[in-house]
Amino acid sequence: MLAEGIFILTVSLSGNYDDLEFVGYFNDCPTAMIYFKENCSEHKAASCLLKEYSNISPDHVSPSQFDFDTIKESQSCGFVGVDTRTFTGEDDD
């Protein structure tokens, strides 16, 4: 039987889980692990668990993918930024 809830994917560069980085929320672990395999090749290990069992603080707020102006720190694997050479943020009309 599959657990229902929100799952958290974290990744480790070292592989020893001492340096876990938050990647995102997923509906299930198989989907999270597929994401890990496809987008986090530089990381050696991943962890997926129910949000309620994680040590992520209850007030953790993930940056919205549309809040590019508020993101100041480097992002976890899989983050796609904006190419400023081709995107101006203005309508082309």
PDB file of N, CA and C in Angstrom:
ATOM      1  N   MET A   1       0.832  -1.173   0.000  1.00  0.00           N
ATOM      2  CA  MET A   1       0.000   0.000   0.000  1.00  0.00           C
ATOM      3  C   MET A   1       0.883   1.244   0.000  1.00  0.00           C
ATOM      4  N   LEU A   2       0.587   2.186  -0.868  1.00  0.00           N
ATOM      5  CA  LEU A   2       1.349   3.420  -0.956  1.00  0.00           C
ATOM      6  C   LEU A   2       0.858   4.430   0.070  1.00  0.00           C
ATOM      7  N   ALA A   3       1.786   5.134   0.669  1.00  0.00           N
ATOM      8  CA  ALA A   3       1.412   6.194   1.608  1.00  0.00           C
ATOM      9  C   ALA A   3       0.910   7.401   0.830  1.00  0.00           C
ATOM     10  N   GLU A   4      -0.068   8.083   1.395  1.00  0.00           N
ATOM     11  CA  GLU A   4      -0.571   9.289   0.767  1.00  0.00           C
ATOM     12  C   GLU A   4      -0.056  10.488   1.524  1.00  0.00           C
ATOM     13  N   GLY A   5       0.280  11.530   0.808  1.00  0.00           N
ATOM     14  CA  GLY A   5       0.775  12.744   1.435  1.00  0.00           C
ATOM     15  C   GLY A   5       1.711  13.470   0.506  1.00  0.00           C
ATOM     16  N   ILE A   6       2.451  14.392   1.077  1.00  0.00           N
ATOM     17  CA  ILE A   6       3.442  15.163   0.331  1.00  0.00           C
ATOM     18  C   ILE A   6       4.816  14.632   0.699  1.00  0.00           C
ATOM     19  N   PHE A   7       5.612  14.363  -0.322  1.00  0.00           N
ATOM     20  CA  PHE A   7       6.954  13.830  -0.116  1.00  0.00           C
ATOM     21  C   PHE A   7       7.990  14.906  -0.414  1.00  0.00           C
ATOM     22  N   ILE A   8       9.101  14.846   0.285  1.00  0.00           N
ATOM     23  CA  ILE A   8      10.193  15.793   0.105  1.00  0.00           C
ATOM     24  C   ILE A   8      11.396  15.053  -0.458  1.00  0.00           C
ATOM     25  N   LEU A   9      11.971  15.612  -1.530  1.00  0.00           N
ATOM     26  CA  LEU A   9      13.200  15.073  -2.099  1.00  0.00           C
ATOM     27  C   LEU A   9      14.355  15.963  -1.667  1.00  0.00           C
ATOM     28  N   THR A  10      15.376  15.345  -1.078  1.00  0.00           N
ATOM     29  CA  THR A  10      16.618  16.039  -0.761  1.00  0.00           C
ATOM     30  C   THR A  10      17.753  15.273  -1.426  1.00  0.00           C
ATOM     31  N   VAL A  11      18.843  15.969  -1.730  1.00  0.00           N
ATOM     32  CA  VAL A  11      19.978  15.344  -2.404  1.00  0.00           C
ATOM     33  C   VAL A  11      21.266  15.647  -1.657  1.00  0.00           C
ATOM     34  N   SER A  12      22.264  14.788  -1.854  1.00  0.00           N
ATOM     35  CA  SER A  12      23.556  14.921  -1.187  1.00  0.00           C
ATOM     36  C   SER A  12      24.671  14.853  -2.227  1.00  0.00           C
ATOM     37  N   LEU A  13      25.537  15.860  -2.238  1.00  0.00           N
ATOM     38  CA  LEU A  13      26.697  15.842  -3.132  1.00  0.00           C
ATOM     39  C   LEU A  13      27.727  14.812  -2.690  1.00  0.00           C
ATOM     40  N   SER A  14      27.925  14.681  -1.387  1.00  0.00           N
ATOM     41  CA  SER A  14      28.961  13.797  -0.857  1.00  0.00           C
ATOM     42  C   SER A  14      28.531  12.333  -0.827  1.00  0.00           C
ATOM     43  N   GLY A  15      27.228  12.103  -0.724  1.00  0.00           N
ATOM     44  CA  GLY A  15      26.734  10.736  -0.620  1.00  0.00           C
ATOM     45  C   GLY A  15      26.601  10.249   0.803  1.00  0.00           C
ATOM     46  N   ASN A  16      27.041  11.051   1.791  1.00  0.00           N
ATOM     47  CA  ASN A  16      26.946  10.606   3.175  1.00  0.00           C
ATOM     48  C   ASN A  16      25.773  11.258   3.922  1.00  0.00           C
ATOM     49  N   TYR A  17      24.946  12.013   3.223  1.00  0.00           N
ATOM     50  CA  TYR A  17      23.719  12.624   3.756  1.00  0.00           C
ATOM     51  C   TYR A  17      23.975  13.702   4.802  1.00  0.00           C
ATOM     52  N   ASP A  18      25.226  14.137   4.986  1.00  0.00           N
ATOM     53  CA  ASP A  18      25.504  15.228   5.921  1.00  0.00           C
ATOM     54  C   ASP A  18      25.278  16.596   5.289  1.00  0.00           C
ATOM     55  N   ASP A  19      25.131  16.622   3.977  1.00  0.00           N
ATOM     56  CA  ASP A  19      25.017  17.889   3.256  1.00  0.00           C
ATOM     57  C   ASP A  19      23.733  17.947   2.412  1.00  0.00           C
ATOM     58  N   LEU A  20      22.642  17.458   2.975  1.00  0.00           N
ATOM     59  CA  LEU A  20      21.389  17.393   2.222  1.00  0.00           C
ATOM     60  C   LEU A  20      20.903  18.777   1.798  1.00  0.00           C
ATOM     61  N   GLU A  21      20.449  18.858   0.551  1.00  0.00           N
ATOM     62  CA  GLU A  21      19.855  20.074   0.003  1.00  0.00           C
ATOM     63  C   GLU A  21      18.411  19.763  -0.380  1.00  0.00           C
ATOM     64  N   PHE A  22      17.509  20.650  -0.045  1.00  0.00           N
ATOM     65  CA  PHE A  22      16.102  20.520  -0.414  1.00  0.00           C
ATOM     66  C   PHE A  22      15.962  20.724  -1.918  1.00  0.00           C
ATOM     67  N   VAL A  23      15.232  19.809  -2.582  1.00  0.00           N
ATOM     68  CA  VAL A  23      14.971  19.947  -4.011  1.00  0.00           C
ATOM     69  C   VAL A  23      13.532  20.359  -4.256  1.00  0.00           C
ATOM     70  N   GLY A  24      12.581  19.636  -3.656  1.00  0.00           N
ATOM     71  CA  GLY A  24      11.191  19.993  -3.886  1.00  0.00           C
ATOM     72  C   GLY A  24      10.217  18.999  -3.295  1.00  0.00           C
ATOM     73  N   TYR A  25       8.940  19.312  -3.500  1.00  0.00           N
ATOM     74  CA  TYR A  25       7.835  18.472  -3.032  1.00  0.00           C
ATOM     75  C   TYR A  25       7.334  17.615  -4.195  1.00  0.00           C
ATOM     76  N   PHE A  26       6.946  16.381  -3.872  1.00  0.00           N
ATOM     77  CA  PHE A  26       6.449  15.446  -4.870  1.00  0.00           C
ATOM     78  C   PHE A  26       5.244  14.694  -4.315  1.00  0.00           C
ATOM     79  N   ASN A  27       4.443  14.134  -5.207  1.00  0.00           N
ATOM     80  CA  ASN A  27       3.269  13.357  -4.802  1.00  0.00           C
ATOM     81  C   ASN A  27       3.631  11.957  -4.335  1.00  0.00           C
ATOM     82  N   ASP A  28       4.791  11.450  -4.784  1.00  0.00           N
ATOM     83  CA  ASP A  28       5.232  10.116  -4.388  1.00  0.00           C
ATOM     84  C   ASP A  28       6.739   9.996  -4.592  1.00  0.00           C
ATOM     85  N   CYS A  29       7.335   8.997  -3.955  1.00  0.00           N
ATOM     86  CA  CYS A  29       8.785   8.809  -4.059  1.00  0.00           C
ATOM     87  C   CYS A  29       9.250   8.289  -5.420  1.00  0.00           C
ATOM     88  N   PRO A  30       8.504   7.391  -6.085  1.00  0.00           N
ATOM     89  CA  PRO A  30       8.974   6.979  -7.402  1.00  0.00           C
ATOM     90  C   PRO A  30       9.142   8.164  -8.364  1.00  0.00           C
ATOM     91  N   THR A  31       8.220   9.113  -8.328  1.00  0.00           N
ATOM     92  CA  THR A  31       8.324  10.297  -9.183  1.00  0.00           C
ATOM     93  C   THR A  31       9.512  11.152  -8.763  1.00  0.00           C
ATOM     94  N   ALA A  32       9.714  11.303  -7.456  1.00  0.00           N
ATOM     95  CA  ALA A  32      10.846  12.077  -6.952  1.00  0.00           C
ATOM     96  C   ALA A  32      12.173  11.448  -7.381  1.00  0.00           C
ATOM     97  N   MET A  33      12.272  10.134  -7.328  1.00  0.00           N
ATOM     98  CA  MET A  33      13.518   9.471  -7.694  1.00  0.00           C
ATOM     99  C   MET A  33      13.775   9.534  -9.194  1.00  0.00           C
ATOM    100  N   ILE A  34      12.729   9.519  -9.993  1.00  0.00           N
ATOM    101  CA  ILE A  34      12.901   9.720 -11.434  1.00  0.00           C
ATOM    102  C   ILE A  34      13.463  11.118 -11.681  1.00  0.00           C
ATOM    103  N   TYR A  35      12.903  12.108 -10.982  1.00  0.00           N
ATOM    104  CA  TYR A  35      13.404  13.478 -11.103  1.00  0.00           C
ATOM    105  C   TYR A  35      14.886  13.529 -10.714  1.00  0.00           C
ATOM    106  N   PHE A  36      15.230  12.876  -9.607  1.00  0.00           N
ATOM    107  CA  PHE A  36      16.629  12.828  -9.155  1.00  0.00           C
ATOM    108  C   PHE A  36      17.536  12.250 -10.239  1.00  0.00           C
ATOM    109  N   LYS A  37      17.156  11.130 -10.813  1.00  0.00           N
ATOM    110  CA  LYS A  37      17.987  10.474 -11.827  1.00  0.00           C
ATOM    111  C   LYS A  37      18.134  11.317 -13.082  1.00  0.00           C
ATOM    112  N   GLU A  38      17.083  12.056 -13.447  1.00  0.00           N
ATOM    113  CA  GLU A  38      17.108  12.846 -14.676  1.00  0.00           C
ATOM    114  C   GLU A  38      17.739  14.229 -14.509  1.00  0.00           C
ATOM    115  N   ASN A  39      17.753  14.776 -13.282  1.00  0.00           N
ATOM    116  CA  ASN A  39      18.157  16.167 -13.120  1.00  0.00           C
ATOM    117  C   ASN A  39      19.289  16.418 -12.130  1.00  0.00           C
ATOM    118  N   CYS A  40      19.719  15.400 -11.423  1.00  0.00           N
ATOM    119  CA  CYS A  40      20.687  15.630 -10.349  1.00  0.00           C
ATOM    120  C   CYS A  40      21.918  14.747 -10.496  1.00  0.00           C
ATOM    121  N   SER A  41      22.453  14.650 -11.684  1.00  0.00           N
ATOM    122  CA  SER A  41      23.542  13.711 -11.941  1.00  0.00           C
ATOM    123  C   SER A  41      24.804  14.018 -11.141  1.00  0.00           C
ATOM    124  N   GLU A  42      24.996  15.262 -10.717  1.00  0.00           N
ATOM    125  CA  GLU A  42      26.189  15.602  -9.940  1.00  0.00           C
ATOM    126  C   GLU A  42      26.077  15.190  -8.475  1.00  0.00           C
ATOM    127  N   HIS A  43      24.891  14.830  -8.040  1.00  0.00           N
ATOM    128  CA  HIS A  43      24.676  14.415  -6.648  1.00  0.00           C
ATOM    129  C   HIS A  43      24.805  12.897  -6.532  1.00  0.00           C
ATOM    130  N   LYS A  44      25.407  12.438  -5.437  1.00  0.00           N
ATOM    131  CA  LYS A  44      25.666  11.009  -5.256  1.00  0.00           C
ATOM    132  C   LYS A  44      24.541  10.259  -4.565  1.00  0.00           C
ATOM    133  N   ALA A  45      23.665  10.971  -3.861  1.00  0.00           N
ATOM    134  CA  ALA A  45      22.609  10.286  -3.107  1.00  0.00           C
ATOM    135  C   ALA A  45      21.374  11.171  -3.011  1.00  0.00           C
ATOM    136  N   ALA A  46      20.242  10.521  -2.764  1.00  0.00           N
ATOM    137  CA  ALA A  46      18.981  11.237  -2.594  1.00  0.00           C
ATOM    138  C   ALA A  46      18.190  10.599  -1.470  1.00  0.00           C
ATOM    139  N   SER A  47      17.313  11.387  -0.889  1.00  0.00           N
ATOM    140  CA  SER A  47      16.424  10.904   0.151  1.00  0.00           C
ATOM    141  C   SER A  47      15.027  11.408  -0.148  1.00  0.00           C
ATOM    142  N   CYS A  48      14.049  10.510  -0.039  1.00  0.00           N
ATOM    143  CA  CYS A  48      12.658  10.880  -0.242  1.00  0.00           C
ATOM    144  C   CYS A  48      11.862  10.355   0.947  1.00  0.00           C
ATOM    145  N   LEU A  49      11.131  11.251   1.579  1.00  0.00           N
ATOM    146  CA  LEU A  49      10.301  10.814   2.698  1.00  0.00           C
ATOM    147  C   LEU A  49       9.099  11.738   2.844  1.00  0.00           C
ATOM    148  N   LEU A  50       8.113  11.238   3.584  1.00  0.00           N
ATOM    149  CA  LEU A  50       6.927  12.043   3.824  1.00  0.00           C
ATOM    150  C   LEU A  50       7.320  13.326   4.543  1.00  0.00           C
ATOM    151  N   LYS A  51       6.705  14.429   4.136  1.00  0.00           N
ATOM    152  CA  LYS A  51       7.009  15.726   4.728  1.00  0.00           C
ATOM    153  C   LYS A  51       6.878  15.699   6.246  1.00  0.00           C
ATOM    154  N   GLU A  52       5.869  15.003   6.740  1.00  0.00           N
ATOM    155  CA  GLU A  52       5.635  14.974   8.190  1.00  0.00           C
ATOM    156  C   GLU A  52       6.751  14.266   8.958  1.00  0.00           C
ATOM    157  N   TYR A  53       7.568  13.448   8.282  1.00  0.00           N
ATOM    158  CA  TYR A  53       8.672  12.752   8.939  1.00  0.00           C
ATOM    159  C   TYR A  53      10.024  13.411   8.683  1.00  0.00           C
ATOM    160  N   SER A  54      10.027  14.494   7.937  1.00  0.00           N
ATOM    161  CA  SER A  54      11.289  15.155   7.614  1.00  0.00           C
ATOM    162  C   SER A  54      11.663  16.130   8.722  1.00  0.00           C
ATOM    163  N   ASN A  55      12.897  16.590   8.679  1.00  0.00           N
ATOM    164  CA  ASN A  55      13.309  17.607   9.644  1.00  0.00           C
ATOM    165  C   ASN A  55      13.293  18.999   9.016  1.00  0.00           C
ATOM    166  N   ILE A  56      12.588  19.138   7.886  1.00  0.00           N
ATOM    167  CA  ILE A  56      12.379  20.458   7.282  1.00  0.00           C
ATOM    168  C   ILE A  56      11.455  21.219   8.224  1.00  0.00           C
ATOM    169  N   SER A  57      11.807  22.443   8.537  1.00  0.00           N
ATOM    170  CA  SER A  57      10.989  23.204   9.476  1.00  0.00           C
ATOM    171  C   SER A  57       9.586  23.424   8.925  1.00  0.00           C
ATOM    172  N   PRO A  58       8.580  23.426   9.790  1.00  0.00           N
ATOM    173  CA  PRO A  58       7.192  23.584   9.351  1.00  0.00           C
ATOM    174  C   PRO A  58       6.937  24.898   8.606  1.00  0.00           C
ATOM    175  N   ASP A  59       7.757  25.916   8.867  1.00  0.00           N
ATOM    176  CA  ASP A  59       7.557  27.197   8.193  1.00  0.00           C
ATOM    177  C   ASP A  59       8.443  27.360   6.960  1.00  0.00           C
ATOM    178  N   HIS A  60       9.066  26.252   6.483  1.00  0.00           N
ATOM    179  CA  HIS A  60       9.894  26.301   5.279  1.00  0.00           C
ATOM    180  C   HIS A  60       9.045  26.742   4.096  1.00  0.00           C
ATOM    181  N   VAL A  61       9.523  27.736   3.382  1.00  0.00           N
ATOM    182  CA  VAL A  61       8.821  28.223   2.200  1.00  0.00           C
ATOM    183  C   VAL A  61       9.755  28.056   1.016  1.00  0.00           C
ATOM    184  N   SER A  62       9.337  27.231   0.061  1.00  0.00           N
ATOM    185  CA  SER A  62      10.126  27.050  -1.155  1.00  0.00           C
ATOM    186  C   SER A  62       9.888  28.231  -2.067  1.00  0.00           C
ATOM    187  N   PRO A  63      10.924  28.695  -2.766  1.00  0.00           N
ATOM    188  CA  PRO A  63      10.701  29.788  -3.702  1.00  0.00           C
ATOM    189  C   PRO A  63       9.815  29.324  -4.850  1.00  0.00           C
ATOM    190  N   SER A  64       8.904  30.167  -5.248  1.00  0.00           N
ATOM    191  CA  SER A  64       8.064  29.867  -6.398  1.00  0.00           C
ATOM    192  C   SER A  64       8.934  29.896  -7.639  1.00  0.00           C
ATOM    193  N   GLN A  65       8.636  29.047  -8.603  1.00  0.00           N
ATOM    194  CA  GLN A  65       9.423  29.042  -9.829  1.00  0.00           C
ATOM    195  C   GLN A  65       9.282  30.357 -10.590  1.00  0.00           C
ATOM    196  N   PHE A  66       8.306  31.182 -10.207  1.00  0.00           N
ATOM    197  CA  PHE A  66       8.089  32.444 -10.903  1.00  0.00           C
ATOM    198  C   PHE A  66       8.671  33.632 -10.144  1.00  0.00           C
ATOM    199  N   ASP A  67       9.240  33.399  -8.966  1.00  0.00           N
ATOM    200  CA  ASP A  67       9.794  34.471  -8.156  1.00  0.00           C
ATOM    201  C   ASP A  67      11.292  34.635  -8.403  1.00  0.00           C
ATOM    202  N   PHE A  68      11.705  34.813  -9.649  1.00  0.00           N
ATOM    203  CA  PHE A  68      13.119  34.890  -9.969  1.00  0.00           C
ATOM    204  C   PHE A  68      13.807  36.066  -9.290  1.00  0.00           C
ATOM    205  N   ASP A  69      13.075  37.166  -9.059  1.00  0.00           N
ATOM    206  CA  ASP A  69      13.679  38.340  -8.438  1.00  0.00           C
ATOM    207  C   ASP A  69      14.017  38.105  -6.976  1.00  0.00           C
ATOM    208  N   THR A  70      13.307  37.192  -6.306  1.00  0.00           N
ATOM    209  CA  THR A  70      13.532  36.966  -4.882  1.00  0.00           C
ATOM    210  C   THR A  70      14.563  35.883  -4.604  1.00  0.00           C
ATOM    211  N   ILE A  71      15.011  35.168  -5.618  1.00  0.00           N
ATOM    212  CA  ILE A  71      15.968  34.083  -5.430  1.00  0.00           C
ATOM    213  C   ILE A  71      17.374  34.665  -5.465  1.00  0.00           C
ATOM    214  N   LYS A  72      18.052  34.611  -4.337  1.00  0.00           N
ATOM    215  CA  LYS A  72      19.406  35.169  -4.230  1.00  0.00           C
ATOM    216  C   LYS A  72      20.468  34.089  -4.070  1.00  0.00           C
ATOM    217  N   GLU A  73      20.091  32.904  -3.596  1.00  0.00           N
ATOM    218  CA  GLU A  73      21.052  31.836  -3.368  1.00  0.00           C
ATOM    219  C   GLU A  73      21.029  30.847  -4.528  1.00  0.00           C
ATOM    220  N   SER A  74      22.091  30.059  -4.644  1.00  0.00           N
ATOM    221  CA  SER A  74      22.134  29.053  -5.704  1.00  0.00           C
ATOM    222  C   SER A  74      21.032  28.022  -5.467  1.00  0.00           C
ATOM    223  N   GLN A  75      20.546  27.433  -6.539  1.00  0.00           N
ATOM    224  CA  GLN A  75      19.418  26.519  -6.467  1.00  0.00           C
ATOM    225  C   GLN A  75      19.868  25.071  -6.501  1.00  0.00           C
ATOM    226  N   SER A  76      19.001  24.200  -6.015  1.00  0.00           N
ATOM    227  CA  SER A  76      19.275  22.769  -6.038  1.00  0.00           C
ATOM    228  C   SER A  76      19.212  22.254  -7.466  1.00  0.00           C
ATOM    229  N   CYS A  77      19.627  21.017  -7.652  1.00  0.00           N
ATOM    230  CA  CYS A  77      19.655  20.433  -8.977  1.00  0.00           C
ATOM    231  C   CYS A  77      18.297  20.567  -9.658  1.00  0.00           C
ATOM    232  N   GLY A  78      18.322  20.740 -10.953  1.00  0.00           N
ATOM    233  CA  GLY A  78      17.087  20.811 -11.711  1.00  0.00           C
ATOM    234  C   GLY A  78      16.523  22.194 -11.865  1.00  0.00           C
ATOM    235  N   PHE A  79      17.076  23.192 -11.173  1.00  0.00           N
ATOM    236  CA  PHE A  79      16.544  24.544 -11.296  1.00  0.00           C
ATOM    237  C   PHE A  79      16.899  25.104 -12.659  1.00  0.00           C
ATOM    238  N   VAL A  80      15.934  25.656 -13.312  1.00  0.00           N
ATOM    239  CA  VAL A  80      16.157  26.257 -14.617  1.00  0.00           C
ATOM    240  C   VAL A  80      15.996  27.756 -14.463  1.00  0.00           C
ATOM    241  N   GLY A  81      17.039  28.487 -14.724  1.00  0.00           N
ATOM    242  CA  GLY A  81      16.999  29.940 -14.607  1.00  0.00           C
ATOM    243  C   GLY A  81      16.538  30.582 -15.897  1.00  0.00           C
ATOM    244  N   VAL A  82      16.597  31.877 -15.926  1.00  0.00           N
ATOM    245  CA  VAL A  82      16.190  32.639 -17.102  1.00  0.00           C
ATOM    246  C   VAL A  82      17.435  33.081 -17.835  1.00  0.00           C
ATOM    247  N   ASP A  83      17.479  32.831 -19.125  1.00  0.00           N
ATOM    248  CA  ASP A  83      18.586  33.290 -19.952  1.00  0.00           C
ATOM    249  C   ASP A  83      18.362  34.769 -20.235  1.00  0.00           C
ATOM    250  N   THR A  84      19.100  35.632 -19.570  1.00  0.00           N
ATOM    251  CA  THR A  84      18.881  37.073 -19.697  1.00  0.00           C
ATOM    252  C   THR A  84      19.256  37.602 -21.075  1.00  0.00           C
ATOM    253  N   ARG A  85      19.961  36.812 -21.866  1.00  0.00           N
ATOM    254  CA  ARG A  85      20.306  37.253 -23.220  1.00  0.00           C
ATOM    255  C   ARG A  85      19.103  37.201 -24.142  1.00  0.00           C
ATOM    256  N   THR A  86      18.136  36.331 -23.832  1.00  0.00           N
ATOM    257  CA  THR A  86      16.982  36.187 -24.717  1.00  0.00           C
ATOM    258  C   THR A  86      15.672  36.578 -24.065  1.00  0.00           C
ATOM    259  N   PHE A  87      15.671  36.755 -22.738  1.00  0.00           N
ATOM    260  CA  PHE A  87      14.442  37.077 -22.032  1.00  0.00           C
ATOM    261  C   PHE A  87      14.573  38.456 -21.412  1.00  0.00           C
ATOM    262  N   THR A  88      13.674  39.357 -21.788  1.00  0.00           N
ATOM    263  CA  THR A  88      13.733  40.708 -21.243  1.00  0.00           C
ATOM    264  C   THR A  88      12.632  40.966 -20.241  1.00  0.00           C
ATOM    265  N   GLY A  89      11.588  40.102 -20.232  1.00  0.00           N
ATOM    266  CA  GLY A  89      10.467  40.302 -19.324  1.00  0.00           C
ATOM    267  C   GLY A  89       9.441  41.262 -19.866  1.00  0.00           C
ATOM    268  N   GLU A  90       9.672  41.778 -21.054  1.00  0.00           N
ATOM    269  CA  GLU A  90       8.733  42.715 -21.673  1.00  0.00           C
ATOM    270  C   GLU A  90       7.979  42.003 -22.780  1.00  0.00           C
ATOM    271  N   ASP A  91       6.761  42.449 -23.035  1.00  0.00           N
ATOM    272  CA  ASP A  91       5.973  41.884 -24.133  1.00  0.00           C
ATOM    273  C   ASP A  91       6.611  42.281 -25.454  1.00  0.00           C
ATOM    274  N   ASP A  92       6.577  41.354 -26.418  1.00  0.00           N
ATOM    275  CA  ASP A  92       7.135  41.634 -27.731  1.00  0.00           C
ATOM    276  C   ASP A  92       6.111  42.280 -28.663  1.00  0.00           C
ATOM    277  N   ASP A  93       4.877  42.495 -28.169  1.00  0.00           N
ATOM    278  CA  ASP A  93       3.835  43.068 -29.022  1.00  0.00           C
ATOM    279  C   ASP A  93       4.087  44.517 -29.339  1.00  0.00           C
TER     280      ASP A  93
END
